[in-house]
C-alpha atoms as a PDB file:
ATOM      1  CA  MET A   1      -0.063  33.263  16.618  1.00  0.00           C
ATOM      2  CA  LEU A   2       0.360  34.112  12.998  1.00  0.00           C
ATOM      3  CA  THR A   3       3.159  36.415  11.357  1.00  0.00           C
ATOM      4  CA  LYS A   4       2.998  38.299   8.085  1.00  0.00           C
ATOM      5  CA  ARG A   5       6.041  39.539   6.489  1.00  0.00           C
ATOM      6  CA  LEU A   6       5.347  42.245   3.588  1.00  0.00           C
ATOM      7  CA  GLU A   7       9.298  42.138   1.623  1.00  0.00           C
ATOM      8  CA  PRO A   8      10.464  45.601   0.289  1.00  0.00           C
ATOM      9  CA  GLU A   9      11.561  46.736  -2.482  1.00  0.00           C
ATOM     10  CA  CYS A  10      14.052  49.457  -1.906  1.00  0.00           C
ATOM     11  CA  ILE A  11      16.002  51.746  -4.089  1.00  0.00           C
ATOM     12  CA  PRO A  12      19.520  50.796  -4.947  1.00  0.00           C
ATOM     13  CA  GLY A  13      21.662  52.127  -1.935  1.00  0.00           C
ATOM     14  CA  SER A  14      19.110  53.262   0.030  1.00  0.00           C
ATOM     15  CA  GLN A  15      20.146  50.705   2.793  1.00  0.00           C
ATOM     16  CA  TYR A  16      23.477  52.838   3.105  1.00  0.00           C
ATOM     17  CA  LEU A  17      22.065  56.557   3.703  1.00  0.00           C
ATOM     18  CA  MET A  18      22.608  57.740   6.807  1.00  0.00           C
ATOM     19  CA  LYS A  19      19.201  60.271   6.645  1.00  0.00           C
ATOM     20  CA  PRO A  20      16.906  59.186   3.781  1.00  0.00           C
ATOM     21  CA  SER A  21      14.642  62.366   2.445  1.00  0.00           C
ATOM     22  CA  LYS A  22      11.319  62.401   1.616  1.00  0.00           C
ATOM     23  CA  HIS A  23      11.021  61.450  -2.062  1.00  0.00           C
ATOM     24  CA  GLN A  24      13.280  58.612  -1.147  1.00  0.00           C
ATOM     25  CA  LEU A  25      11.215  57.421   1.616  1.00  0.00           C
ATOM     26  CA  GLU A  26       7.852  57.992  -1.024  1.00  0.00           C
ATOM     27  CA  ALA A  27       9.770  55.669  -3.977  1.00  0.00           C
ATOM     28  CA  CYS A  28      10.933  52.622  -1.169  1.00  0.00           C
ATOM     29  CA  LYS A  29       8.745  50.118   0.030  1.00  0.00           C
ATOM     30  CA  LEU A  30       8.871  50.178   3.671  1.00  0.00           C
ATOM     31  CA  LEU A  31       9.760  46.068   5.310  1.00  0.00           C
ATOM     32  CA  LEU A  32       6.767  45.689   7.222  1.00  0.00           C
ATOM     33  CA  THR A  33       6.142  42.905  10.192  1.00  0.00           C
ATOM     34  CA  VAL A  34       2.997  42.386  11.642  1.00  0.00           C
ATOM     35  CA  ILE A  35       2.374  39.864  14.486  1.00  0.00           C
ATOM     36  CA  LEU A  36      -1.397  38.972  14.703  1.00  0.00           C
ATOM     37  CA  THR A  37      -2.855  37.050  17.727  1.00  0.00           C
ATOM     38  CA  ALA A  38      -5.511  34.931  17.380  1.00  0.00           C
ATOM     39  CA  PHE A  39      -7.413  32.324  18.923  1.00  0.00           C
ATOM     40  CA  LEU A  40      -9.804  29.713  16.859  1.00  0.00           C
ATOM     41  CA  CYS A  41     -12.278  27.567  18.673  1.00  0.00           C
ATOM     42  CA  ILE A  42     -13.690  24.803  16.707  1.00  0.00           C
ATOM     43  CA  ASN A  43     -15.852  22.270  18.351  1.00  0.00           C
ATOM     44  CA  SER A  44     -13.897  19.305  17.197  1.00  0.00           C
ATOM     45  CA  SER A  45     -16.944  17.095  18.096  1.00  0.00           C
ATOM     46  CA  SER A  46     -18.755  18.900  14.827  1.00  0.00           C
ATOM     47  CA  ILE A  47     -15.866  17.936  12.773  1.00  0.00           C
ATOM     48  CA  THR A  48     -16.339  15.657   9.987  1.00  0.00           C
ATOM     49  CA  ALA A  49     -13.651  16.252   7.086  1.00  0.00           C
ATOM     50  CA  GLN A  50     -10.320  18.140   7.269  1.00  0.00           C
ATOM     51  CA  VAL A  51     -10.850  21.920   7.763  1.00  0.00           C
ATOM     52  CA  THR A  52      -8.160  24.088   5.906  1.00  0.00           C
ATOM     53  CA  ILE A  53      -7.877  28.215   7.323  1.00  0.00           C
ATOM     54  CA  THR A  54      -6.519  30.531   4.564  1.00  0.00           C
ATOM     55  CA  ASN A  55      -5.278  34.206   6.333  1.00  0.00           C
ATOM     56  CA  THR A  56      -3.628  36.749   4.167  1.00  0.00           C
ATOM     57  CA  ALA A  57      -3.127  40.266   5.442  1.00  0.00           C
ATOM     58  CA  SER A  58      -2.481  43.432   3.853  1.00  0.00           C
ATOM     59  CA  GLY A  59      -0.579  47.315   5.513  1.00  0.00           C
ATOM     60  CA  GLY A  60      -0.214  50.590   4.837  1.00  0.00           C
ATOM     61  CA  GLY A  61       0.084  53.966   5.841  1.00  0.00           C
ATOM     62  CA  GLY A  62      -0.197  57.875   5.266  1.00  0.00           C
ATOM     63  CA  ASN A  63       1.284  58.346   1.440  1.00  0.00           C
ATOM     64  CA  LEU A  64       2.536  54.701   1.543  1.00  0.00           C
ATOM     65  CA  PRO A  65       0.958  52.673  -1.064  1.00  0.00           C
ATOM     66  CA  THR A  66      -1.232  49.358   0.623  1.00  0.00           C
ATOM     67  CA  VAL A  67       0.650  46.077   0.003  1.00  0.00           C
ATOM     68  CA  ASN A  68      -0.515  42.706   0.411  1.00  0.00           C
ATOM     69  CA  SER A  69       1.182  39.418   2.232  1.00  0.00           C
ATOM     70  CA  ASN A  70       1.550  36.290   1.124  1.00  0.00           C
ATOM     71  CA  SER A  71      -0.974  33.873   2.649  1.00  0.00           C
ATOM     72  CA  THR A  72      -0.670  31.437   5.252  1.00  0.00           C
ATOM     73  CA  SER A  73      -2.811  28.280   5.527  1.00  0.00           C
ATOM     74  CA  LEU A  74      -3.686  26.157   8.720  1.00  0.00           C
ATOM     75  CA  VAL A  75      -5.344  22.712   8.558  1.00  0.00           C
ATOM     76  CA  ALA A  76      -7.160  21.830  11.545  1.00  0.00           C
ATOM     77  CA  GLY A  77      -8.678  18.664  12.634  1.00  0.00           C
ATOM     78  CA  GLN A  78      -6.403  16.790  10.466  1.00  0.00           C
ATOM     79  CA  ALA A  79      -6.639  12.610  10.575  1.00  0.00           C
ATOM     80  CA  LYS A  80      -3.648  11.166  12.482  1.00  0.00           C
ATOM     81  CA  LEU A  81      -2.203   7.682  11.863  1.00  0.00           C
ATOM     82  CA  GLU A  82      -0.401   4.713  13.743  1.00  0.00           C
ATOM     83  CA  LEU A  83       0.852   2.033  11.839  1.00  0.00           C
ATOM     84  CA  LEU A  84       2.031  -1.320  13.402  1.00  0.00           C
ATOM     85  CA  LYS A  85       4.133  -4.150  12.003  1.00  0.00           C
ATOM     86  CA  THR A  86       4.893  -7.480  13.245  1.00  0.00           C
ATOM     87  CA  ALA A  87       5.040 -11.113  11.763  1.00  0.00           C
ATOM     88  CA  ASP A  88       4.440 -15.094  13.208  1.00  0.00           C
ATOM     89  CA  ARG A  89       7.740 -15.953  14.163  1.00  0.00           C
ATOM     90  CA  ALA A  90      11.399 -14.100  14.871  1.00  0.00           C
ATOM     91  CA  ALA A  91      13.640 -16.385  13.278  1.00  0.00           C
ATOM     92  CA  ALA A  92      12.708 -18.285   9.769  1.00  0.00           C
ATOM     93  CA  GLU A  93      14.795 -19.823   7.342  1.00  0.00           C
ATOM     94  CA  PRO A  94      14.193 -21.335   3.177  1.00  0.00           C
ATOM     95  CA  GLY A  95      11.119 -23.141   3.184  1.00  0.00           C
ATOM     96  CA  ASP A  96       9.199 -21.470   5.637  1.00  0.00           C
ATOM     97  CA  THR A  97       6.115 -19.335   5.698  1.00  0.00           C
ATOM     98  CA  VAL A  98       5.788 -16.095   7.273  1.00  0.00           C
ATOM     99  CA  ILE A  99       2.488 -14.424   8.721  1.00  0.00           C
ATOM    100  CA  TYR A 100       3.039 -10.757   8.650  1.00  0.00           C
ATOM    101  CA  ARG A 101       0.318  -8.513   9.883  1.00  0.00           C
ATOM    102  CA  LEU A 102      -0.146  -4.445   9.640  1.00  0.00           C
ATOM    103  CA  ALA A 103      -2.673  -2.812  11.919  1.00  0.00           C
ATOM    104  CA  LEU A 104      -3.190   0.847  10.703  1.00  0.00           C
ATOM    105  CA  ARG A 105      -5.236   2.851  13.509  1.00  0.00           C
ATOM    106  CA  ASN A 106      -6.985   6.797  13.355  1.00  0.00           C
ATOM    107  CA  THR A 107      -6.262   8.366  16.413  1.00  0.00           C
ATOM    108  CA  GLY A 108      -7.395  11.251  15.317  1.00  0.00           C
ATOM    109  CA  ASP A 109     -10.945  13.463  15.272  1.00  0.00           C
ATOM    110  CA  VAL A 110     -11.620  13.462  11.277  1.00  0.00           C
ATOM    111  CA  VAL A 111     -12.039  10.521   8.397  1.00  0.00           C
ATOM    112  CA  ALA A 112      -9.031   9.584   6.533  1.00  0.00           C
ATOM    113  CA  SER A 113      -9.441   8.807   3.143  1.00  0.00           C
ATOM    114  CA  ASN A 114      -7.400   7.150   0.032  1.00  0.00           C
ATOM    115  CA  ILE A 115      -5.793   4.667   2.521  1.00  0.00           C
ATOM    116  CA  THR A 116      -2.220   3.506   0.646  1.00  0.00           C
ATOM    117  CA  ILE A 117       0.066   1.552   2.732  1.00  0.00           C
ATOM    118  CA  THR A 118       3.570   0.495   1.076  1.00  0.00           C
ATOM    119  CA  ASP A 119       5.327  -2.534   2.664  1.00  0.00           C
ATOM    120  CA  THR A 120       8.600  -3.231   1.193  1.00  0.00           C
ATOM    121  CA  GLN A 121       9.705  -6.463   1.627  1.00  0.00           C
ATOM    122  CA  PRO A 122      12.917  -7.963   2.725  1.00  0.00           C
ATOM    123  CA  LEU A 123      15.490  -9.753   0.300  1.00  0.00           C
ATOM    124  CA  GLY A 124      14.177 -13.257  -0.127  1.00  0.00           C
ATOM    125  CA  LEU A 125      11.128 -12.963   1.089  1.00  0.00           C
ATOM    126  CA  ARG A 126       7.988 -13.888  -1.844  1.00  0.00           C
ATOM    127  CA  PHE A 127       4.348 -12.710  -1.246  1.00  0.00           C
ATOM    128  CA  LEU A 128       1.480 -15.265  -1.795  1.00  0.00           C
ATOM    129  CA  PRO A 129      -0.773 -13.081  -3.031  1.00  0.00           C
ATOM    130  CA  GLN A 130      -4.294 -15.514  -2.059  1.00  0.00           C
ATOM    131  CA  SER A 131      -2.899 -15.538   1.361  1.00  0.00           C
ATOM    132  CA  LEU A 132      -4.396 -11.363   1.495  1.00  0.00           C
ATOM    133  CA  GLN A 133      -7.408 -10.857   4.284  1.00  0.00           C
ATOM    134  CA  GLY A 134      -8.758  -7.759   5.971  1.00  0.00           C
ATOM    135  CA  SER A 135     -10.516  -6.700   8.771  1.00  0.00           C
ATOM    136  CA  LEU A 136     -11.794  -3.689  10.720  1.00  0.00           C
ATOM    137  CA  THR A 137     -11.576  -3.293  14.406  1.00  0.00           C
ATOM    138  CA  THR A 138     -13.969  -0.867  16.151  1.00  0.00           C
ATOM    139  CA  GLY A 139     -13.879  -0.833  19.593  1.00  0.00           C
ATOM    140  CA  SER A 140     -13.669  -4.584  20.809  1.00  0.00           C
ATOM    141  CA  THR A 141     -15.563  -5.674  17.328  1.00  0.00           C
ATOM    142  CA  THR A 142     -13.517  -7.183  14.605  1.00  0.00           C
ATOM    143  CA  THR A 143     -15.348  -7.523  10.772  1.00  0.00           C
ATOM    144  CA  PRO A 144     -13.789  -9.169   7.900  1.00  0.00           C
ATOM    145  CA  VAL A 145     -13.580  -6.528   4.867  1.00  0.00           C
ATOM    146  CA  ASN A 146     -12.490  -7.282   1.315  1.00  0.00           C
ATOM    147  CA  LEU A 147      -9.492  -5.610   0.269  1.00  0.00           C
ATOM    148  CA  THR A 148      -8.059  -4.552  -3.060  1.00  0.00           C
ATOM    149  CA  PRO A 149      -5.084  -7.002  -4.632  1.00  0.00           C
ATOM    150  CA  ALA A 150      -2.118  -5.762  -3.444  1.00  0.00           C
ATOM    151  CA  VAL A 151      -0.127  -4.012  -6.030  1.00  0.00           C
ATOM    152  CA  GLN A 152       3.543  -5.659  -6.592  1.00  0.00           C
ATOM    153  CA  SER A 153       6.493  -3.764  -7.701  1.00  0.00           C
ATOM    154  CA  GLN A 154       9.790  -6.281  -7.366  1.00  0.00           C
ATOM    155  CA  ARG A 155      10.061  -6.043  -3.563  1.00  0.00           C
ATOM    156  CA  THR A 156       7.306  -3.541  -2.947  1.00  0.00           C
ATOM    157  CA  LEU A 157       3.645  -4.060  -1.739  1.00  0.00           C
ATOM    158  CA  THR A 158       0.965  -1.510  -2.045  1.00  0.00           C
ATOM    159  CA  PHE A 159      -2.226  -1.792   0.396  1.00  0.00           C
ATOM    160  CA  THR A 160      -5.161   0.229  -0.190  1.00  0.00           C
ATOM    161  CA  TYR A 161      -8.184   1.014   1.090  1.00  0.00           C
ATOM    162  CA  PRO A 162     -10.880   3.219   0.887  1.00  0.00           C
ATOM    163  CA  SER A 163     -11.528   5.577   4.124  1.00  0.00           C
ATOM    164  CA  LEU A 164     -10.639   5.009   8.322  1.00  0.00           C
ATOM    165  CA  ALA A 165     -13.076   6.543  10.428  1.00  0.00           C
ATOM    166  CA  PRO A 166     -11.554   8.125  13.787  1.00  0.00           C
ATOM    167  CA  LYS A 167     -10.720   5.044  16.147  1.00  0.00           C
ATOM    168  CA  GLN A 168     -10.913   2.189  13.996  1.00  0.00           C
ATOM    169  CA  THR A 169      -7.884  -0.079  13.090  1.00  0.00           C
ATOM    170  CA  LEU A 170      -7.185  -1.091   9.503  1.00  0.00           C
ATOM    171  CA  ASN A 171      -6.261  -5.468   9.539  1.00  0.00           C
ATOM    172  CA  ILE A 172      -4.043  -6.472   7.000  1.00  0.00           C
ATOM    173  CA  VAL A 173      -2.773 -10.030   7.132  1.00  0.00           C
ATOM    174  CA  TYR A 174      -0.428 -11.826   4.265  1.00  0.00           C
ATOM    175  CA  ALA A 175       1.657 -14.518   3.964  1.00  0.00           C
ATOM    176  CA  ALA A 176       5.405 -14.829   2.463  1.00  0.00           C
ATOM    177  CA  VAL A 177       7.720 -17.820   1.634  1.00  0.00           C
ATOM    178  CA  VAL A 178      11.101 -17.544   2.378  1.00  0.00           C
ATOM    179  CA  THR A 179      13.417 -18.597  -0.424  1.00  0.00           C
ATOM    180  CA  PRO A 180      17.208 -19.626  -0.500  1.00  0.00           C
ATOM    181  CA  ASP A 181      18.251 -16.084  -1.350  1.00  0.00           C
ATOM    182  CA  ALA A 182      16.869 -14.751   1.863  1.00  0.00           C
ATOM    183  CA  ILE A 183      20.152 -15.594   3.530  1.00  0.00           C
ATOM    184  CA  ARG A 184      22.019 -12.910   1.657  1.00  0.00           C
ATOM    185  CA  GLY A 185      19.301 -10.172   2.978  1.00  0.00           C
ATOM    186  CA  ASP A 186      18.829  -8.970   6.276  1.00  0.00           C
ATOM    187  CA  GLY A 187      15.446  -9.721   7.011  1.00  0.00           C
ATOM    188  CA  ARG A 188      14.031  -6.262   7.524  1.00  0.00           C
ATOM    189  CA  ASN A 189      10.454  -5.683   6.606  1.00  0.00           C
ATOM    190  CA  VAL A 190       9.550  -1.857   6.472  1.00  0.00           C
ATOM    191  CA  ALA A 191       5.873  -0.495   5.970  1.00  0.00           C
ATOM    192  CA  GLN A 192       4.480   3.457   5.818  1.00  0.00           C
ATOM    193  CA  GLU A 193       1.319   5.237   5.354  1.00  0.00           C
ATOM    194  CA  PRO A 194       2.078   8.663   4.136  1.00  0.00           C
ATOM    195  CA  ARG A 195       0.504  10.000   7.197  1.00  0.00           C
ATOM    196  CA  SER A 196       1.907   7.655   9.455  1.00  0.00           C
ATOM    197  CA  ASN A 197       4.984   6.387  11.440  1.00  0.00           C
ATOM    198  CA  ILE A 198       7.486   3.821   9.654  1.00  0.00           C
ATOM    199  CA  ALA A 199       6.873   0.856  10.963  1.00  0.00           C
ATOM    200  CA  SER A 200       9.172  -2.289  10.687  1.00  0.00           C
ATOM    201  CA  PHE A 201      10.080  -5.892  11.472  1.00  0.00           C
ATOM    202  CA  VAL A 202      13.185  -7.903  11.320  1.00  0.00           C
ATOM    203  CA  VAL A 203      12.896 -11.840  10.818  1.00  0.00           C
ATOM    204  CA  ARG A 204      16.204 -13.196  11.758  1.00  0.00           C
ATOM    205  CA  ILE A 205      17.031 -15.598   8.769  1.00  0.00           C
ATOM    206  CA  ARG A 206      18.737 -18.770   9.617  1.00  0.00           C
ATOM    207  CA  GLN A 207      20.800 -21.046   6.839  1.00  0.00           C
ATOM    208  CA  GLY A 208      18.355 -24.457   7.830  1.00  0.00           C
ATOM    209  CA  ILE A 209      19.863 -26.931   5.115  1.00  0.00           C
ATOM    210  CA  LEU A 210      20.578 -24.880   2.840  1.00  0.00           C
ATOM    211  CA  SER A 211      23.972 -22.649   2.493  1.00  0.00           C
ATOM    212  CA  ASP A 212      25.336 -19.946   0.231  1.00  0.00           C
ATOM    213  CA  CYS A 213      28.657 -22.407   0.304  1.00  0.00           C
ATOM    214  CA  GLY A 214      29.280 -25.662  -1.280  1.00  0.00           C
ATOM    215  CA  THR A 215      31.527 -28.580  -0.791  1.00  0.00           C
ATOM    216  CA  LEU A 216      34.310 -29.736  -3.113  1.00  0.00           C
ATOM    217  CA  VAL A 217      35.798 -33.354  -3.008  1.00  0.00           C
ATOM    218  CA  GLY A 218      38.126 -35.170  -4.755  1.00  0.00           C
ATOM    219  CA  ARG A 219      41.640 -37.261  -4.883  1.00  0.00           C
ATOM    220  CA  VAL A 220      44.299 -38.358  -6.280  1.00  0.00           C
ATOM    221  CA  PHE A 221      45.691 -41.585  -7.733  1.00  0.00           C
ATOM    222  CA  VAL A 222      47.502 -43.648  -9.818  1.00  0.00           C
ATOM    223  CA  ASP A 223      46.246 -44.002 -13.236  1.00  0.00           C
ATOM    224  CA  LYS A 224      47.490 -46.789 -14.992  1.00  0.00           C
ATOM    225  CA  ASN A 225      45.486 -46.749 -18.266  1.00  0.00           C
ATOM    226  CA  PHE A 226      44.930 -43.396 -18.821  1.00  0.00           C
ATOM    227  CA  ASP A 227      41.211 -43.082 -19.014  1.00  0.00           C
ATOM    228  CA  GLY A 228      41.023 -40.276 -15.864  1.00  0.00           C
ATOM    229  CA  GLN A 229      38.636 -42.487 -14.119  1.00  0.00           C
ATOM    230  CA  GLN A 230      40.280 -44.663 -10.617  1.00  0.00           C
ATOM    231  CA  GLN A 231      39.439 -47.843 -11.081  1.00  0.00           C
ATOM    232  CA  THR A 232      40.293 -51.465  -9.149  1.00  0.00           C
ATOM    233  CA  GLY A 233      44.135 -51.649  -8.868  1.00  0.00           C
ATOM    234  CA  GLU A 234      44.931 -47.672  -8.750  1.00  0.00           C
ATOM    235  CA  PRO A 235      45.795 -46.652  -5.612  1.00  0.00           C
ATOM    236  CA  GLY A 236      45.552 -43.309  -4.288  1.00  0.00           C
ATOM    237  CA  VAL A 237      48.373 -40.914  -3.535  1.00  0.00           C
ATOM    238  CA  PRO A 238      48.699 -39.786  -0.338  1.00  0.00           C
ATOM    239  CA  ASN A 239      50.003 -36.118   1.323  1.00  0.00           C
ATOM    240  CA  ALA A 240      49.035 -34.955  -2.222  1.00  0.00           C
ATOM    241  CA  VAL A 241      48.858 -31.146  -1.940  1.00  0.00           C
ATOM    242  CA  VAL A 242      46.144 -29.197  -3.902  1.00  0.00           C
ATOM    243  CA  TYR A 243      46.023 -25.607  -3.760  1.00  0.00           C
ATOM    244  CA  MET A 244      42.556 -23.995  -4.144  1.00  0.00           C
ATOM    245  CA  ASP A 245      41.844 -20.256  -5.869  1.00  0.00           C
ATOM    246  CA  ASP A 246      41.198 -18.587  -2.933  1.00  0.00           C
ATOM    247  CA  GLY A 247      44.838 -19.800  -1.265  1.00  0.00           C
ATOM    248  CA  ASN A 248      43.712 -22.770   0.335  1.00  0.00           C
ATOM    249  CA  ARG A 249      45.799 -25.502   0.557  1.00  0.00           C
ATOM    250  CA  ILE A 250      44.181 -29.142   0.793  1.00  0.00           C
ATOM    251  CA  THR A 251      46.636 -32.128   1.672  1.00  0.00           C
ATOM    252  CA  THR A 252      44.756 -35.708   0.406  1.00  0.00           C
ATOM    253  CA  ASP A 253      44.500 -38.387   3.211  1.00  0.00           C
ATOM    254  CA  ALA A 254      46.148 -41.861   2.739  1.00  0.00           C
ATOM    255  CA  ASN A 255      43.498 -42.979   0.632  1.00  0.00           C
ATOM    256  CA  GLY A 256      44.243 -39.927  -1.934  1.00  0.00           C
ATOM    257  CA  LEU A 257      41.355 -38.421  -1.306  1.00  0.00           C
ATOM    258  CA  PHE A 258      40.435 -34.185  -0.420  1.00  0.00           C
ATOM    259  CA  SER A 259      37.457 -32.621   0.771  1.00  0.00           C
ATOM    260  CA  LEU A 260      36.399 -28.852   1.563  1.00  0.00           C
ATOM    261  CA  ALA A 261      33.703 -27.577   3.026  1.00  0.00           C
ATOM    262  CA  ASN A 262      31.857 -23.861   2.966  1.00  0.00           C
ATOM    263  CA  VAL A 263      33.339 -22.813  -0.522  1.00  0.00           C
ATOM    264  CA  PHE A 264      32.051 -19.730  -1.660  1.00  0.00           C
ATOM    265  CA  ALA A 265      29.799 -20.897  -4.692  1.00  0.00           C
ATOM    266  CA  GLY A 266      30.797 -19.997  -8.083  1.00  0.00           C
ATOM    267  CA  ASN A 267      33.608 -20.761 -10.514  1.00  0.00           C
ATOM    268  CA  ARG A 268      36.172 -22.426  -8.385  1.00  0.00           C
ATOM    269  CA  THR A 269      40.081 -23.890  -9.346  1.00  0.00           C
ATOM    270  CA  GLY A 270      42.160 -26.369  -8.122  1.00  0.00           C
ATOM    271  CA  THR A 271      45.633 -27.224  -9.129  1.00  0.00           C
ATOM    272  CA  LEU A 272      47.803 -29.891  -7.822  1.00  0.00           C
ATOM    273  CA  ASP A 273      50.899 -29.581  -7.050  1.00  0.00           C
ATOM    274  CA  LEU A 274      53.450 -31.493  -8.113  1.00  0.00           C
ATOM    275  CA  THR A 275      56.520 -30.558  -5.655  1.00  0.00           C
ATOM    276  CA  SER A 276      54.432 -32.581  -2.918  1.00  0.00           C
ATOM    277  CA  LEU A 277      54.737 -35.638  -5.290  1.00  0.00           C
ATOM    278  CA  PRO A 278      58.135 -36.698  -5.940  1.00  0.00           C
ATOM    279  CA  GLY A 279      58.720 -39.920  -8.610  1.00  0.00           C
ATOM    280  CA  TYR A 280      55.021 -38.671  -9.954  1.00  0.00           C
ATOM    281  CA  SER A 281      53.989 -36.882 -12.906  1.00  0.00           C
ATOM    282  CA  LEU A 282      50.800 -35.836 -14.568  1.00  0.00           C
ATOM    283  CA  ALA A 283      49.393 -38.764 -16.093  1.00  0.00           C
ATOM    284  CA  PRO A 284      48.082 -38.241 -19.863  1.00  0.00           C
ATOM    285  CA  ASN A 285      44.269 -38.301 -20.402  1.00  0.00           C
ATOM    286  CA  LYS A 286      43.741 -40.609 -23.765  1.00  0.00           C
ATOM    287  CA  TYR A 287      39.937 -39.258 -23.718  1.00  0.00           C
ATOM    288  CA  PHE A 288      39.559 -35.446 -22.467  1.00  0.00           C
ATOM    289  CA  ILE A 289      41.977 -33.420 -23.168  1.00  0.00           C
ATOM    290  CA  GLU A 290      41.193 -30.762 -20.177  1.00  0.00           C
ATOM    291  CA  GLY A 291      42.211 -34.161 -18.005  1.00  0.00           C
ATOM    292  CA  ASN A 292      45.965 -33.103 -19.256  1.00  0.00           C
ATOM    293  CA  SER A 293      46.436 -30.266 -17.144  1.00  0.00           C
ATOM    294  CA  GLN A 294      47.236 -30.303 -13.817  1.00  0.00           C
ATOM    295  CA  SER A 295      44.207 -27.583 -12.766  1.00  0.00           C
ATOM    296  CA  ARG A 296      40.697 -28.049 -12.467  1.00  0.00           C
ATOM    297  CA  LEU A 297      37.956 -26.113 -13.066  1.00  0.00           C
ATOM    298  CA  VAL A 298      34.368 -26.740 -11.530  1.00  0.00           C
ATOM    299  CA  ARG A 299      31.162 -24.443 -11.593  1.00  0.00           C
ATOM    300  CA  LEU A 300      29.997 -24.973  -7.898  1.00  0.00           C
ATOM    301  CA  ALA A 301      26.075 -24.317  -6.803  1.00  0.00           C
ATOM    302  CA  PRO A 302      25.021 -23.221  -3.510  1.00  0.00           C
ATOM    303  CA  GLY A 303      24.371 -25.350  -1.586  1.00  0.00           C
ATOM    304  CA  GLY A 304      25.680 -27.933  -3.999  1.00  0.00           C
ATOM    305  CA  MET A 305      28.942 -30.442  -4.766  1.00  0.00           C
ATOM    306  CA  ALA A 306      31.679 -30.359  -7.303  1.00  0.00           C
ATOM    307  CA  ARG A 307      34.580 -33.021  -7.965  1.00  0.00           C
ATOM    308  CA  MET A 308      38.021 -32.482  -8.741  1.00  0.00           C
ATOM    309  CA  ASN A 309      40.122 -35.536  -9.592  1.00  0.00           C
ATOM    310  CA  PHE A 310      43.683 -35.789 -10.266  1.00  0.00           C
ATOM    311  CA  ALA A 311      45.539 -38.730 -12.190  1.00  0.00           C
ATOM    312  CA  VAL A 312      49.049 -38.966 -11.466  1.00  0.00           C
ATOM    313  CA  THR A 313      51.482 -41.742 -13.072  1.00  0.00           C
ATOM    314  CA  PRO A 314      55.173 -42.800 -12.079  1.00  0.00           C
ATOM    315  CA  ALA A 315      57.706 -40.822 -13.392  1.00  0.00           C
ATOM    316  CA  TYR A 316      60.187 -43.631 -13.473  1.00  0.00           C
ATOM    317  CA  GLY A 317      58.898 -47.095 -15.642  1.00  0.00           C
ATOM    318  CA  GLU A 318      55.892 -48.144 -13.601  1.00  0.00           C
ATOM    319  CA  GLN A 319      55.054 -51.046 -16.489  1.00  0.00           C
ATOM    320  CA  GLN A 320      52.040 -50.163 -17.918  1.00  0.00           C
ATOM    321  CA  PRO A 321      49.231 -53.248 -19.073  1.00  0.00           C
END
């Protein structure tokens, strides 16, 4: 059913007249709605390309001028594309290689030209251009085809192919390496051809041996020669308290050692609480000025380890060598 609507250009205020005069009717283009019912029969077996049918209408009567309608278009026999996205594994960790597969099938009755598939990679996955492979499946027969190298823009890949016949399936296979940055992402891959559905696949990213967090280690000890390094004869101090910049409170063990796991990477600061060490004060450092502070600033890399040591000395006169 095709509907044509002819818009009026009436004189101002004419809609408020209960009984318009003949002169006013002649000066007003009436609103006319024409409903045309048509049946379009096309032999689908003879369609080899998209067919665009354009239709217009005009109306008039008596002393009214003829007015042309807007045009409407109907695209008959257009291609229908279905896209499927899969991978060779459901979970991966940094260092693994994921094999992705795109399957684009033409379920319509006409050839789909200028195939363009955009594929957005998850954060932290690196595309391997040399892994790209393509094939065409017709019925039960699959034939390898040469694909144009993918165009990469940041995390988006673009694959192109000249055309896809009805009932054919274009298969695209490629590999991507999981990098440590993938831990920060959601592992979701999204692909689409402008005429197809949106296809996605999620790979669950495990931390493996790598992590965004790091580990802090350190010690509190009596520094007898004021060089900032623990040596033989310089004992550790137990029950010393170190406060981290994130609020964590650490207490040293019997040997004056401490460690803290799962610390967020970045610049981390630890401060020795001297009130937890009655009878001790901060030991001066003869070689490094920063060693004279009761705070330590370290740079902790993702998955790395950093050390912060604190040197103290008895507040009341242990004889120095």
